[in-house]
Amino acid sequence: MFKMSFNTGSDAFYDHHEDPFNAIAKAEEAARILRYIAEEIELGIRSEGAVMDYNGNKVGEWSLD
């Protein structure tokens, strides 16, 4: 089973200059996180861990059983 949960409330998910609704910034950061974790799984680096945003903040957890 694969589980992941992360909060999109940190500044890494917002572009205060471009997108007033932050839809683009939120999607870009979520996609970046998903790609990073997929690479870690594919390369066998980890099977669980913290979800970190672009700014280095812990925003969630993930695990693969």
N, C-alpha and C. Protein backbone atom coordinates (compact mmCIF):
# COMPACT_ATOMS: atom_id res chain seq x y z
N MET A 1 0.85 -1.17 0.00
CA MET A 1 0.00 0.00 0.00
C MET A 1 0.90 1.24 0.00
N PHE A 2 0.52 2.23 -0.76
CA PHE A 2 1.22 3.50 -0.78
C PHE A 2 0.33 4.54 -0.12
N LYS A 3 0.89 5.29 0.81
CA LYS A 3 0.16 6.35 1.51
C LYS A 3 0.98 7.63 1.44
N MET A 4 0.29 8.73 1.18
CA MET A 4 0.96 10.03 1.22
C MET A 4 -0.07 11.09 1.61
N SER A 5 0.37 11.97 2.44
CA SER A 5 -0.46 13.10 2.82
C SER A 5 0.45 14.30 3.04
N PHE A 6 0.08 15.43 2.45
CA PHE A 6 0.85 16.64 2.72
C PHE A 6 -0.03 17.88 2.67
N ASN A 7 0.37 18.86 3.45
CA ASN A 7 -0.35 20.11 3.59
C ASN A 7 0.15 21.10 2.53
N THR A 8 -0.76 21.75 1.84
CA THR A 8 -0.39 22.71 0.80
C THR A 8 -0.49 24.15 1.28
N GLY A 9 -0.37 24.35 2.58
CA GLY A 9 -0.51 25.69 3.13
C GLY A 9 0.78 26.49 3.27
N SER A 10 1.93 25.88 2.98
CA SER A 10 3.19 26.61 3.16
C SER A 10 3.46 27.54 1.97
N ASP A 11 4.39 28.44 2.13
CA ASP A 11 4.72 29.43 1.09
C ASP A 11 5.19 28.80 -0.21
N ALA A 12 5.74 27.60 -0.16
CA ALA A 12 6.22 26.94 -1.39
C ALA A 12 5.07 26.67 -2.36
N PHE A 13 3.85 26.64 -1.88
CA PHE A 13 2.68 26.37 -2.72
C PHE A 13 2.00 27.64 -3.21
N TYR A 14 2.58 28.81 -2.95
CA TYR A 14 1.96 30.07 -3.33
C TYR A 14 2.91 30.94 -4.12
N ASP A 15 2.38 31.59 -5.12
CA ASP A 15 3.12 32.60 -5.89
C ASP A 15 2.39 33.91 -5.64
N HIS A 16 2.96 34.73 -4.80
CA HIS A 16 2.29 35.95 -4.37
C HIS A 16 2.28 37.04 -5.45
N HIS A 17 3.01 36.83 -6.54
CA HIS A 17 3.10 37.85 -7.58
C HIS A 17 2.31 37.50 -8.83
N GLU A 18 2.22 36.22 -9.17
CA GLU A 18 1.67 35.82 -10.46
C GLU A 18 0.21 35.38 -10.43
N ASP A 19 -0.13 34.49 -9.54
CA ASP A 19 -1.42 33.81 -9.60
C ASP A 19 -2.23 34.10 -8.34
N PRO A 20 -3.22 34.97 -8.41
CA PRO A 20 -3.97 35.31 -7.20
C PRO A 20 -4.68 34.12 -6.57
N PHE A 21 -5.01 33.10 -7.35
CA PHE A 21 -5.67 31.92 -6.80
C PHE A 21 -4.68 30.80 -6.50
N ASN A 22 -3.43 31.00 -6.87
CA ASN A 22 -2.34 30.09 -6.56
C ASN A 22 -2.50 28.69 -7.12
N ALA A 23 -3.39 28.50 -8.07
CA ALA A 23 -3.62 27.18 -8.65
C ALA A 23 -2.38 26.66 -9.36
N ILE A 24 -1.70 27.51 -10.11
CA ILE A 24 -0.52 27.08 -10.84
C ILE A 24 0.62 26.75 -9.88
N ALA A 25 0.89 27.62 -8.94
CA ALA A 25 1.97 27.39 -7.97
C ALA A 25 1.70 26.14 -7.15
N LYS A 26 0.46 25.94 -6.74
CA LYS A 26 0.11 24.77 -5.94
C LYS A 26 0.32 23.48 -6.75
N ALA A 27 -0.12 23.49 -8.01
CA ALA A 27 0.05 22.32 -8.87
C ALA A 27 1.52 22.03 -9.14
N GLU A 28 2.31 23.06 -9.39
CA GLU A 28 3.73 22.87 -9.68
C GLU A 28 4.47 22.28 -8.49
N GLU A 29 4.20 22.76 -7.30
CA GLU A 29 4.90 22.24 -6.12
C GLU A 29 4.44 20.82 -5.80
N ALA A 30 3.16 20.54 -5.93
CA ALA A 30 2.67 19.18 -5.70
C ALA A 30 3.31 18.22 -6.70
N ALA A 31 3.39 18.60 -7.95
CA ALA A 31 4.00 17.75 -8.98
C ALA A 31 5.49 17.54 -8.70
N ARG A 32 6.18 18.57 -8.24
CA ARG A 32 7.61 18.45 -7.91
C ARG A 32 7.80 17.44 -6.80
N ILE A 33 6.97 17.50 -5.77
CA ILE A 33 7.05 16.56 -4.65
C ILE A 33 6.78 15.14 -5.12
N LEU A 34 5.76 14.94 -5.93
CA LEU A 34 5.43 13.61 -6.43
C LEU A 34 6.56 13.03 -7.27
N ARG A 35 7.16 13.85 -8.13
CA ARG A 35 8.29 13.37 -8.94
C ARG A 35 9.47 12.97 -8.06
N TYR A 36 9.76 13.76 -7.06
CA TYR A 36 10.88 13.48 -6.16
C TYR A 36 10.68 12.15 -5.43
N ILE A 37 9.50 11.95 -4.88
CA ILE A 37 9.22 10.72 -4.14
C ILE A 37 9.20 9.52 -5.08
N ALA A 38 8.65 9.69 -6.28
CA ALA A 38 8.65 8.59 -7.26
C ALA A 38 10.08 8.18 -7.60
N GLU A 39 10.97 9.13 -7.74
CA GLU A 39 12.37 8.81 -8.02
C GLU A 39 13.02 8.07 -6.86
N GLU A 40 12.73 8.50 -5.64
CA GLU A 40 13.28 7.82 -4.47
C GLU A 40 12.82 6.36 -4.42
N ILE A 41 11.55 6.12 -4.73
CA ILE A 41 11.01 4.76 -4.74
C ILE A 41 11.66 3.95 -5.86
N GLU A 42 11.69 4.53 -7.05
CA GLU A 42 12.22 3.82 -8.22
C GLU A 42 13.69 3.42 -8.04
N LEU A 43 14.47 4.28 -7.43
CA LEU A 43 15.89 4.00 -7.23
C LEU A 43 16.16 3.18 -5.97
N GLY A 44 15.11 2.88 -5.20
CA GLY A 44 15.28 2.08 -3.99
C GLY A 44 15.94 2.83 -2.85
N ILE A 45 15.88 4.13 -2.87
CA ILE A 45 16.53 4.95 -1.84
C ILE A 45 15.77 4.88 -0.52
N ARG A 46 14.46 5.03 -0.59
CA ARG A 46 13.64 5.01 0.62
C ARG A 46 12.29 4.38 0.29
N SER A 47 11.61 3.90 1.32
CA SER A 47 10.25 3.41 1.16
C SER A 47 9.28 4.14 2.08
N GLU A 48 9.79 5.16 2.76
CA GLU A 48 8.96 6.01 3.61
C GLU A 48 9.75 7.25 3.97
N GLY A 49 9.05 8.28 4.41
CA GLY A 49 9.76 9.46 4.84
C GLY A 49 8.87 10.68 4.94
N ALA A 50 9.51 11.78 5.23
CA ALA A 50 8.83 13.06 5.33
C ALA A 50 8.67 13.66 3.94
N VAL A 51 7.58 14.37 3.76
CA VAL A 51 7.39 15.15 2.54
C VAL A 51 7.91 16.55 2.84
N MET A 52 8.88 16.98 2.05
CA MET A 52 9.49 18.28 2.26
C MET A 52 9.14 19.21 1.10
N ASP A 53 8.77 20.44 1.41
CA ASP A 53 8.50 21.39 0.33
C ASP A 53 9.80 22.00 -0.19
N TYR A 54 9.68 22.82 -1.21
CA TYR A 54 10.84 23.43 -1.87
C TYR A 54 11.68 24.26 -0.90
N ASN A 55 11.03 24.83 0.11
CA ASN A 55 11.73 25.67 1.08
C ASN A 55 12.35 24.86 2.23
N GLY A 56 12.22 23.55 2.19
CA GLY A 56 12.80 22.71 3.22
C GLY A 56 11.91 22.47 4.42
N ASN A 57 10.65 22.82 4.33
CA ASN A 57 9.71 22.60 5.43
C ASN A 57 9.06 21.24 5.31
N LYS A 58 8.92 20.56 6.44
CA LYS A 58 8.21 19.29 6.45
C LYS A 58 6.72 19.59 6.33
N VAL A 59 6.08 19.04 5.28
CA VAL A 59 4.66 19.31 5.07
C VAL A 59 3.81 18.05 5.10
N GLY A 60 4.42 16.88 5.30
CA GLY A 60 3.65 15.65 5.37
C GLY A 60 4.52 14.42 5.51
N GLU A 61 3.89 13.26 5.26
CA GLU A 61 4.55 11.96 5.38
C GLU A 61 4.13 11.08 4.22
N TRP A 62 4.96 10.11 3.90
CA TRP A 62 4.63 9.12 2.90
C TRP A 62 5.21 7.78 3.28
N SER A 63 4.60 6.68 2.78
CA SER A 63 5.12 5.34 3.02
C SER A 63 4.65 4.40 1.93
N LEU A 64 5.50 3.40 1.67
CA LEU A 64 5.20 2.34 0.72
C LEU A 64 5.45 1.01 1.42
N ASP A 65 4.40 0.21 1.60
CA ASP A 65 4.53 -1.10 2.28
C ASP A 65 4.71 -2.19 1.25
